[in-house]
Protein backbone atom coordinates (compact mmCIF):
# COMPACT_ATOMS: atom_id res chain seq x y z
CA MET A 1 -64.13 18.96 46.11
CA LEU A 2 -66.94 20.71 48.02
CA THR A 3 -64.91 23.91 47.97
CA ALA A 4 -64.60 23.63 44.21
CA PHE A 5 -68.39 23.23 43.96
CA ALA A 6 -68.83 26.39 46.02
CA ARG A 7 -66.41 28.26 43.75
CA ALA A 8 -68.20 26.97 40.69
CA PHE A 9 -71.49 28.42 41.95
CA LYS A 10 -69.76 31.72 42.74
CA THR A 11 -68.79 32.09 39.07
CA PRO A 12 -71.78 33.77 37.33
CA ASP A 13 -71.63 32.05 33.92
CA LEU A 14 -70.73 28.63 35.36
CA ARG A 15 -73.48 28.95 37.98
CA LYS A 16 -75.94 29.78 35.22
CA LYS A 17 -74.94 26.64 33.31
CA LEU A 18 -75.24 24.42 36.37
CA LEU A 19 -78.65 25.80 37.34
CA PHE A 20 -79.88 25.47 33.76
CA THR A 21 -78.76 21.83 33.70
CA LEU A 22 -80.56 21.16 36.99
CA ALA A 23 -83.73 22.80 35.67
CA MET A 24 -83.71 20.58 32.57
CA ILE A 25 -83.18 17.52 34.77
CA VAL A 26 -86.20 18.48 36.89
CA LEU A 27 -88.36 18.85 33.78
CA TYR A 28 -87.16 15.47 32.52
CA ARG A 29 -88.01 13.72 35.78
CA LEU A 30 -91.37 15.50 35.93
CA GLY A 31 -92.31 14.19 32.49
CA SER A 32 -91.31 10.68 33.57
CA HIS A 33 -94.25 10.68 36.02
CA ILE A 34 -97.02 12.05 33.76
CA PRO A 35 -99.08 9.12 32.39
CA VAL A 36 -100.00 8.85 28.72
CA PRO A 37 -103.65 9.67 27.90
CA GLY A 38 -105.72 6.51 27.61
CA VAL A 39 -103.77 4.53 30.21
CA SER A 40 -105.35 3.41 33.49
CA TYR A 41 -102.81 4.75 35.96
CA LYS A 42 -104.44 2.84 38.83
CA ASN A 43 -104.09 -0.52 37.07
CA VAL A 44 -100.50 0.27 36.08
CA GLN A 45 -99.61 0.86 39.72
CA ILE A 46 -101.30 -2.40 40.70
CA CYS A 47 -99.19 -4.30 38.16
CA VAL A 48 -95.99 -2.53 39.17
CA ASP A 49 -96.66 -3.38 42.82
CA GLN A 50 -97.40 -7.01 41.99
CA MET A 51 -94.42 -7.59 39.69
CA GLY A 52 -91.92 -4.89 40.63
CA ALA A 53 -90.79 -2.09 38.32
CA GLY A 54 -87.59 -3.84 37.33
CA ASN A 55 -88.59 -7.48 37.08
CA ASN A 56 -89.58 -7.56 33.42
CA SER A 57 -86.38 -8.78 31.80
CA LEU A 58 -87.67 -8.29 28.25
CA PHE A 59 -88.20 -4.56 28.68
CA GLY A 60 -85.68 -4.03 31.47
CA LEU A 61 -83.02 -2.31 29.35
CA VAL A 62 -85.41 0.28 27.90
CA ASN A 63 -87.04 0.72 31.30
CA MET A 64 -83.63 1.41 32.84
CA PHE A 65 -82.75 4.02 30.21
CA SER A 66 -86.13 5.70 30.70
CA GLY A 67 -85.72 5.94 34.48
CA GLY A 68 -88.62 3.54 35.11
CA ALA A 69 -90.97 5.52 32.85
CA LEU A 70 -91.52 2.64 30.40
CA LEU A 71 -93.35 0.35 32.81
CA GLN A 72 -95.24 3.37 34.16
CA ILE A 73 -96.32 4.16 30.55
CA THR A 74 -95.66 7.89 30.86
CA ILE A 75 -95.12 10.52 28.17
CA PHE A 76 -91.35 9.89 28.43
CA ALA A 77 -91.82 6.11 28.37
CA LEU A 78 -89.44 5.65 25.44
CA GLY A 79 -86.83 7.90 27.02
CA ILE A 80 -83.71 8.50 24.95
CA MET A 81 -83.43 4.97 23.55
CA PRO A 82 -84.74 5.97 20.08
CA TYR A 83 -82.09 8.70 19.89
CA ILE A 84 -79.33 6.35 21.06
CA THR A 85 -80.40 3.73 18.53
CA ALA A 86 -80.59 6.32 15.74
CA SER A 87 -77.13 7.66 16.60
CA ILE A 88 -75.62 4.17 16.52
CA ILE A 89 -77.33 3.35 13.21
CA LEU A 90 -76.09 6.57 11.59
CA GLN A 91 -72.58 5.94 12.88
CA LEU A 92 -72.60 2.46 11.36
CA LEU A 93 -74.09 3.70 8.08
CA THR A 94 -71.37 6.34 7.80
CA VAL A 95 -68.88 3.54 7.14
CA VAL A 96 -70.90 1.81 4.40
CA ILE A 97 -72.64 4.76 2.66
CA PRO A 98 -70.20 6.99 0.72
CA LYS A 99 -72.46 10.07 0.90
CA LEU A 100 -72.57 9.96 4.71
CA GLU A 101 -68.81 9.43 4.83
CA THR A 102 -68.34 12.49 2.62
CA LEU A 103 -70.61 14.54 4.90
CA LYS A 104 -68.59 13.46 7.92
CA LYS A 105 -65.41 14.78 6.30
CA GLU A 106 -66.97 18.18 5.48
CA GLY A 107 -66.57 19.43 9.04
CA GLN A 108 -69.25 21.34 10.91
CA ALA A 109 -71.65 21.60 7.96
CA GLY A 110 -71.54 17.86 7.32
CA THR A 111 -71.89 17.05 11.02
CA SER A 112 -74.99 19.28 11.24
CA LYS A 113 -76.52 17.42 8.30
CA ILE A 114 -75.86 14.03 9.92
CA THR A 115 -77.37 15.35 13.17
CA GLN A 116 -80.49 16.33 11.24
CA TYR A 117 -80.74 12.83 9.77
CA THR A 118 -80.35 11.42 13.29
CA ARG A 119 -83.32 13.49 14.45
CA TYR A 120 -85.52 12.28 11.60
CA LEU A 121 -84.56 8.67 12.28
CA THR A 122 -85.24 9.21 16.00
CA VAL A 123 -88.81 10.29 15.23
CA ALA A 124 -89.34 7.26 12.97
CA LEU A 125 -87.98 4.88 15.61
CA ALA A 126 -90.09 6.57 18.30
CA ILE A 127 -93.26 5.97 16.25
CA LEU A 128 -92.25 2.34 15.70
CA GLN A 129 -91.34 1.69 19.34
CA GLY A 130 -94.34 3.62 20.63
CA THR A 131 -96.67 1.51 18.48
CA GLY A 132 -95.01 -1.65 19.78
CA LEU A 133 -95.30 -0.50 23.39
CA VAL A 134 -98.98 0.38 23.03
CA ALA A 135 -99.71 -2.96 21.36
CA THR A 136 -97.83 -4.77 24.12
CA ALA A 137 -99.73 -2.89 26.83
CA ARG A 138 -103.10 -3.56 25.18
CA SER A 139 -102.38 -7.28 24.85
CA GLY A 140 -101.32 -7.54 28.50
CA ALA A 141 -97.81 -8.78 27.62
CA LEU A 142 -96.16 -5.80 29.31
CA PHE A 143 -97.08 -7.24 32.72
CA GLY A 144 -97.23 -10.97 32.06
CA THR A 145 -98.68 -12.29 35.34
CA CYS A 146 -100.52 -9.22 36.61
CA SER A 147 -104.17 -9.76 37.60
CA VAL A 148 -105.33 -6.61 35.74
CA LYS A 149 -102.91 -6.75 32.80
CA ASP A 150 -105.77 -6.69 30.27
CA GLN A 151 -107.18 -3.46 31.74
CA ILE A 152 -104.05 -1.31 31.34
CA VAL A 153 -105.60 0.36 28.27
CA PRO A 154 -109.39 0.31 28.81
CA ASP A 155 -110.27 2.15 25.57
CA ARG A 156 -108.89 0.20 22.60
CA SER A 157 -110.22 2.43 19.84
CA ILE A 158 -107.99 3.51 16.96
CA PHE A 159 -108.21 7.15 18.03
CA THR A 160 -106.92 6.38 21.53
CA THR A 161 -104.11 4.26 20.12
CA VAL A 162 -103.01 7.04 17.73
CA VAL A 163 -103.11 9.61 20.54
CA MET A 164 -100.95 7.37 22.77
CA VAL A 165 -98.37 6.79 20.03
CA LEU A 166 -98.21 10.48 19.10
CA THR A 167 -97.86 11.45 22.77
CA MET A 168 -94.92 9.08 23.28
CA THR A 169 -93.31 10.28 20.04
CA ALA A 170 -93.70 13.90 21.12
CA GLY A 171 -92.22 12.97 24.50
CA THR A 172 -89.17 11.46 22.79
CA CYS A 173 -88.74 14.61 20.69
CA LEU A 174 -88.99 16.72 23.85
CA VAL A 175 -86.36 14.58 25.58
CA MET A 176 -84.08 14.97 22.55
CA TRP A 177 -84.59 18.74 22.64
CA LEU A 178 -83.84 18.91 26.38
CA GLY A 179 -80.64 16.95 25.83
CA GLU A 180 -79.51 19.32 23.07
CA LEU A 181 -80.32 22.32 25.26
CA ILE A 182 -78.14 20.92 28.04
CA THR A 183 -75.30 20.38 25.57
CA ASP A 184 -75.56 23.94 24.21
CA ARG A 185 -76.33 25.91 27.37
CA GLY A 186 -75.48 23.62 30.27
CA ILE A 187 -72.65 21.42 31.52
CA GLY A 188 -71.68 18.15 29.87
CA ASN A 189 -73.24 16.14 27.06
CA GLY A 190 -77.01 16.49 27.33
CA MET A 191 -77.96 12.97 26.24
CA SER A 192 -75.36 11.44 28.54
CA ILE A 193 -76.60 13.53 31.47
CA LEU A 194 -80.21 12.42 30.92
CA MET A 195 -79.06 8.82 30.61
CA PHE A 196 -77.15 9.21 33.88
CA ILE A 197 -80.21 10.65 35.64
CA SER A 198 -82.47 7.88 34.31
CA ILE A 199 -80.25 5.16 35.75
CA ALA A 200 -79.57 6.99 39.01
CA ALA A 201 -83.32 7.51 39.55
CA GLY A 202 -83.77 3.84 40.38
CA PHE A 203 -80.55 3.48 42.33
CA VAL A 204 -81.87 4.00 45.86
CA GLY A 205 -85.01 1.93 45.29
CA SER A 206 -83.01 -1.02 43.94
CA LEU A 207 -80.58 -0.88 46.84
CA TRP A 208 -83.44 -0.89 49.33
CA ALA A 209 -85.10 -3.79 47.49
CA ILE A 210 -81.93 -5.84 48.02
CA LYS A 211 -82.09 -5.08 51.73
CA GLU A 212 -85.79 -5.97 51.91
CA GLN A 213 -85.26 -9.28 50.09
CA GLY A 214 -82.30 -10.25 52.27
CA LYS A 215 -82.62 -12.86 55.01
CA ILE A 216 -79.43 -12.45 57.05
CA ALA A 217 -79.66 -9.83 59.82
CA ASP A 218 -82.81 -8.35 58.24
CA GLY A 219 -81.02 -7.99 54.91
CA TRP A 220 -78.18 -5.77 56.11
CA VAL A 221 -75.54 -8.42 55.34
CA GLU A 222 -76.74 -8.75 51.76
CA PHE A 223 -76.91 -4.96 51.51
CA GLY A 224 -73.31 -4.67 52.70
CA VAL A 225 -72.08 -7.33 50.26
CA VAL A 226 -73.86 -5.57 47.39
CA MET A 227 -72.25 -2.25 48.34
CA LEU A 228 -68.79 -3.84 48.46
CA VAL A 229 -69.28 -5.46 45.05
CA GLY A 230 -70.53 -2.17 43.66
CA LEU A 231 -67.61 -0.15 45.02
CA ALA A 232 -65.13 -2.70 43.66
CA MET A 233 -66.74 -2.48 40.22
CA VAL A 234 -66.73 1.32 40.31
CA GLY A 235 -63.03 1.34 41.18
CA LEU A 236 -62.23 -1.06 38.32
CA VAL A 237 -64.27 0.97 35.84
CA VAL A 238 -62.61 4.25 36.85
CA PHE A 239 -59.16 2.66 36.51
CA VAL A 240 -59.76 1.13 33.08
CA GLU A 241 -61.76 4.04 31.64
CA GLN A 242 -58.85 6.37 32.38
CA ALA A 243 -56.26 3.95 30.96
CA GLN A 244 -54.84 4.71 27.53
CA ARG A 245 -51.93 3.80 25.29
CA ARG A 246 -50.18 6.95 24.12
CA ILE A 247 -48.54 6.65 20.70
CA PRO A 248 -45.82 9.35 20.44
CA VAL A 249 -45.95 11.52 17.30
CA GLN A 250 -43.21 13.87 16.15
CA TYR A 251 -43.78 16.62 13.60
CA ALA A 252 -40.85 17.65 11.41
CA LYS A 253 -39.71 21.25 11.25
CA ARG A 254 -40.60 23.28 8.17
CA MET A 255 -38.79 26.44 7.10
CA ILE A 256 -41.03 29.14 5.62
CA GLY A 257 -38.85 32.16 4.87
CA ARG A 258 -36.75 32.69 7.96
CA ARG A 259 -39.22 31.13 10.35
CA ALA A 260 -39.35 27.50 11.45
CA TYR A 261 -42.70 25.83 11.93
CA GLY A 262 -43.51 22.46 13.46
CA GLY A 263 -41.00 20.38 15.34
CA THR A 264 -43.51 19.69 18.11
CA SER A 265 -44.14 16.42 19.91
CA THR A 266 -47.57 15.05 20.75
CA TYR A 267 -49.28 11.69 21.07
CA ILE A 268 -52.29 9.71 19.88
CA PRO A 269 -54.33 8.52 22.91
CA LEU A 270 -55.73 5.05 22.31
CA LYS A 271 -58.07 4.12 25.15
CA VAL A 272 -58.10 0.59 26.47
CA ASN A 273 -61.89 0.69 26.25
CA GLN A 274 -62.02 2.37 22.86
CA ALA A 275 -65.56 1.11 22.15
CA GLY A 276 -67.13 2.48 25.35
CA ILE A 277 -70.58 1.21 26.30
CA ILE A 278 -71.70 0.40 22.74
CA PRO A 279 -70.74 -3.34 22.72
CA VAL A 280 -72.75 -3.97 25.91
CA ILE A 281 -75.82 -2.22 24.45
CA PHE A 282 -75.47 -4.16 21.17
CA ALA A 283 -75.12 -7.51 22.97
CA SER A 284 -78.01 -6.81 25.37
CA SER A 285 -80.33 -5.72 22.56
CA LEU A 286 -79.46 -8.75 20.43
CA LEU A 287 -80.15 -11.17 23.28
CA TYR A 288 -83.60 -9.64 23.81
CA ILE A 289 -84.68 -10.62 20.29
CA PRO A 290 -85.18 -14.40 20.87
CA ALA A 291 -87.24 -13.82 24.02
CA LEU A 292 -89.35 -11.18 22.27
CA VAL A 293 -89.99 -13.53 19.34
CA VAL A 294 -91.17 -16.26 21.72
CA GLN A 295 -93.38 -13.89 23.70
CA PHE A 296 -95.16 -12.37 20.73
CA SER A 297 -95.46 -15.61 18.78
CA GLY A 298 -97.11 -17.39 21.71
CA SER A 299 -95.60 -20.65 20.50
CA THR A 300 -95.30 -23.65 22.81
CA ALA A 301 -93.05 -25.64 20.49
CA GLY A 302 -89.79 -27.19 21.60
CA TRP A 303 -87.64 -24.33 20.30
CA ALA A 304 -89.73 -21.77 22.19
CA THR A 305 -89.43 -23.74 25.43
CA TRP A 306 -85.69 -24.07 24.92
CA ILE A 307 -85.27 -20.31 24.41
CA GLN A 308 -87.37 -19.50 27.48
CA LYS A 309 -85.31 -21.91 29.54
CA HIS A 310 -81.86 -20.76 28.41
CA PHE A 311 -82.12 -17.15 27.14
CA VAL A 312 -84.66 -15.34 29.32
CA LYS A 313 -82.95 -15.42 32.70
CA GLY A 314 -79.58 -13.71 32.81
CA ASP A 315 -77.99 -16.21 35.19
CA HIS A 316 -78.17 -19.25 32.89
CA PRO A 317 -74.72 -20.52 31.69
CA TYR A 318 -75.79 -20.43 28.01
CA TYR A 319 -76.98 -16.84 28.33
CA ILE A 320 -73.79 -15.80 30.13
CA ALA A 321 -71.51 -17.46 27.56
CA VAL A 322 -73.31 -15.99 24.53
CA TYR A 323 -73.52 -12.57 26.19
CA PHE A 324 -69.79 -12.55 26.89
CA LEU A 325 -68.86 -13.64 23.35
CA LEU A 326 -71.17 -11.04 21.80
CA ILE A 327 -69.59 -8.27 23.89
CA VAL A 328 -66.09 -9.29 22.77
CA PHE A 329 -67.20 -9.49 19.13
CA PHE A 330 -68.96 -6.12 19.12
CA ALA A 331 -66.00 -4.49 20.89
CA PHE A 332 -63.70 -5.45 18.00
CA PHE A 333 -66.40 -4.65 15.44
CA TYR A 334 -67.11 -1.17 16.77
CA VAL A 335 -63.42 -0.29 17.16
CA ALA A 336 -62.81 -1.42 13.57
CA ILE A 337 -65.47 0.93 12.17
CA SER A 338 -64.84 3.89 14.49
CA PHE A 339 -61.04 4.11 14.23
CA ASN A 340 -59.41 3.99 10.79
CA PRO A 341 -55.60 3.50 11.04
CA GLU A 342 -55.12 4.25 7.32
CA GLU A 343 -56.91 7.60 7.63
CA VAL A 344 -54.91 8.56 10.73
CA ALA A 345 -51.64 7.58 9.02
CA ASP A 346 -52.52 9.60 5.91
CA ASN A 347 -53.35 12.70 7.99
CA MET A 348 -50.09 12.38 9.90
CA LYS A 349 -48.13 12.08 6.64
CA LYS A 350 -49.96 15.05 5.14
CA TYR A 351 -48.89 17.35 8.00
CA GLY A 352 -45.36 16.00 8.34
CA GLY A 353 -45.95 13.81 11.38
CA PHE A 354 -44.40 10.44 12.09
CA ILE A 355 -44.08 7.90 14.88
CA PRO A 356 -40.43 7.63 16.02
CA GLY A 357 -38.94 4.44 14.59
CA ILE A 358 -41.86 3.85 12.19
CA ARG A 359 -41.91 4.94 8.55
CA ALA A 360 -44.76 7.19 7.44
CA GLY A 361 -47.60 5.82 5.36
CA ARG A 362 -48.51 2.13 5.29
CA PRO A 363 -46.04 1.02 8.04
CA THR A 364 -47.62 3.59 10.37
CA ALA A 365 -51.12 2.28 9.61
CA GLU A 366 -49.99 -1.30 10.24
CA TYR A 367 -48.38 -0.29 13.53
CA LEU A 368 -51.50 1.54 14.71
CA SER A 369 -53.66 -1.43 13.74
CA TYR A 370 -51.32 -3.79 15.63
CA VAL A 371 -51.41 -1.67 18.80
CA LEU A 372 -55.18 -1.19 18.57
CA ASN A 373 -55.80 -4.93 18.30
CA ARG A 374 -53.52 -5.60 21.27
CA ILE A 375 -55.29 -3.14 23.59
CA THR A 376 -58.80 -4.07 22.36
CA TRP A 377 -58.41 -7.58 23.75
CA PRO A 378 -58.11 -6.50 27.41
CA GLY A 379 -60.73 -3.80 26.78
CA SER A 380 -63.28 -6.29 25.45
CA LEU A 381 -62.56 -8.81 28.23
CA TYR A 382 -62.97 -6.00 30.76
CA LEU A 383 -66.38 -5.09 29.30
CA GLY A 384 -67.49 -8.70 29.50
CA LEU A 385 -66.26 -8.95 33.09
CA ILE A 386 -68.03 -5.78 34.19
CA ALA A 387 -71.25 -6.85 32.45
CA LEU A 388 -71.33 -10.38 33.93
CA VAL A 389 -69.67 -10.37 37.35
CA PRO A 390 -72.28 -8.12 39.06
CA THR A 391 -75.10 -10.17 37.51
CA MET A 392 -73.73 -13.45 38.84
CA ALA A 393 -72.67 -11.99 42.19
CA LEU A 394 -76.06 -10.40 42.86
CA ALA A 395 -78.24 -13.22 41.49
CA GLY A 396 -78.29 -14.88 44.90
CA PHE A 397 -79.82 -11.78 46.46
CA GLY A 398 -82.75 -11.58 44.05
CA ALA A 399 -81.30 -8.68 42.07
CA ASN A 400 -82.24 -8.47 38.45
CA GLN A 401 -79.74 -7.90 35.67
CA ASN A 402 -80.63 -4.20 35.44
CA PHE A 403 -79.61 -3.49 39.03
CA PRO A 404 -77.67 -0.18 39.26
CA PHE A 405 -74.42 -2.04 39.96
CA GLY A 406 -74.94 -4.12 36.82
CA GLY A 407 -72.70 -3.86 33.79
CA THR A 408 -74.49 -1.39 31.54
CA SER A 409 -75.58 0.98 34.28
CA ILE A 410 -72.25 1.14 36.11
CA LEU A 411 -70.34 1.86 32.90
CA ILE A 412 -72.70 4.72 32.03
CA ILE A 413 -72.79 6.21 35.52
CA VAL A 414 -69.00 6.22 35.94
CA GLY A 415 -68.26 7.28 32.37
CA VAL A 416 -70.70 10.20 32.36
CA GLY A 417 -69.61 11.22 35.86
CA LEU A 418 -65.94 11.35 34.84
CA GLU A 419 -66.64 13.36 31.68
CA THR A 420 -68.85 15.87 33.51
CA VAL A 421 -66.27 16.34 36.25
CA LYS A 422 -63.61 16.96 33.59
CA GLN A 423 -65.74 19.65 31.98
CA ILE A 424 -66.32 21.44 35.27
CA GLU A 425 -62.60 21.06 36.02
CA SER A 426 -61.67 22.71 32.74
CA GLN A 427 -64.14 25.55 33.38
CA LEU A 428 -62.58 26.20 36.78
CA GLN A 429 -59.01 26.03 35.47
CA GLN A 430 -59.82 28.62 32.82
CA ARG A 431 -60.60 31.01 35.69
CA ASN A 432 -57.41 30.18 37.58
CA TYR A 433 -59.21 28.20 40.22
CA GLU A 434 -57.89 25.12 41.90
CA GLY A 435 -58.64 21.75 40.29
CA PHE A 436 -62.00 20.16 40.84
CA LEU A 437 -60.53 16.96 42.27
CA ARG A 438 -57.67 18.55 44.21
């Protein structure tokens, strides 16, 4: 593997892509440490030291995706979450809005138009989220028990607020641009790479925090247990993410003049985890809503107390049960809207393809739907397992639910790592080099 890395850097165009990707990553991490104008950086550091950068469960998901920049209130505080949210919304709207569905079928031109809509929606969401973050910081709710939480934003004038929101929005646009540059001129998917870097940025610090909080042998026993749990989860994720059900497809021969065309055999790869990380993000975001409502309403009624007791901490049985059921539901929901068996069956019939033993047309669509439902069950249960087991296993060591070995982060790290390695592998194979993992 190290030899393959050396060969990759010896190839001029591949070396250029790798160095360009590294340069964009450095710029991204640099922006994650530049505070927003109007914020008291000294007071922010006091609050982070008192509470810990990852202990705010309400904003933990966004903070994880921003590489810790959210609770530092930097120019990249919103990270790539607005873009991720916009992409998911557009993907869902494509199913229900005929115009977007037509654009999707137009090929490259339609895809470019949808990408443009995604950018506009990203800016709108960045303004909305930036306004919410500034309001939360001004009210002191961002650091609930910090002694200087009310002095995070000393100047509360309208001008300062507008400047802060515009700065965060511009930071989100810059992050989106960096991601697209990596996709066009670097290695791998730019947004996925930045997401990977954001999560990995807090990896070492979280591991060391587990060791510091441990009580057995100065924390080394807890550290070792955490590492074993993490390695086991990584192995399971790699195994399942690579698993797929291959549906064989045969194309009939066609005679055009004296030449025969077609007659080839291929397959439709249906992944066990067809939905990817989306169900976990949906479920996590949905479970943040009740706690946010309670926090901003300031209510002390019975319902508010009940929500704080059962749906704020991730280790409560009610939270775990609802979280698991939501992941399973969203896994089936997302697969249903992202893979259309009828459309696949029609395309196969149009080009003379068929599944051996299955008639073309409606029987093929029913067969694909049957297989997809069968493999989605283990895929959804696997997502729920990965999301919950690390949380419960690490709760005894004081780890929060956004620990790097937690469900969302481990799925992203392993998934992005595998895809990036595959891209470098393909680049090397095109130049007759040995495989990246051989």
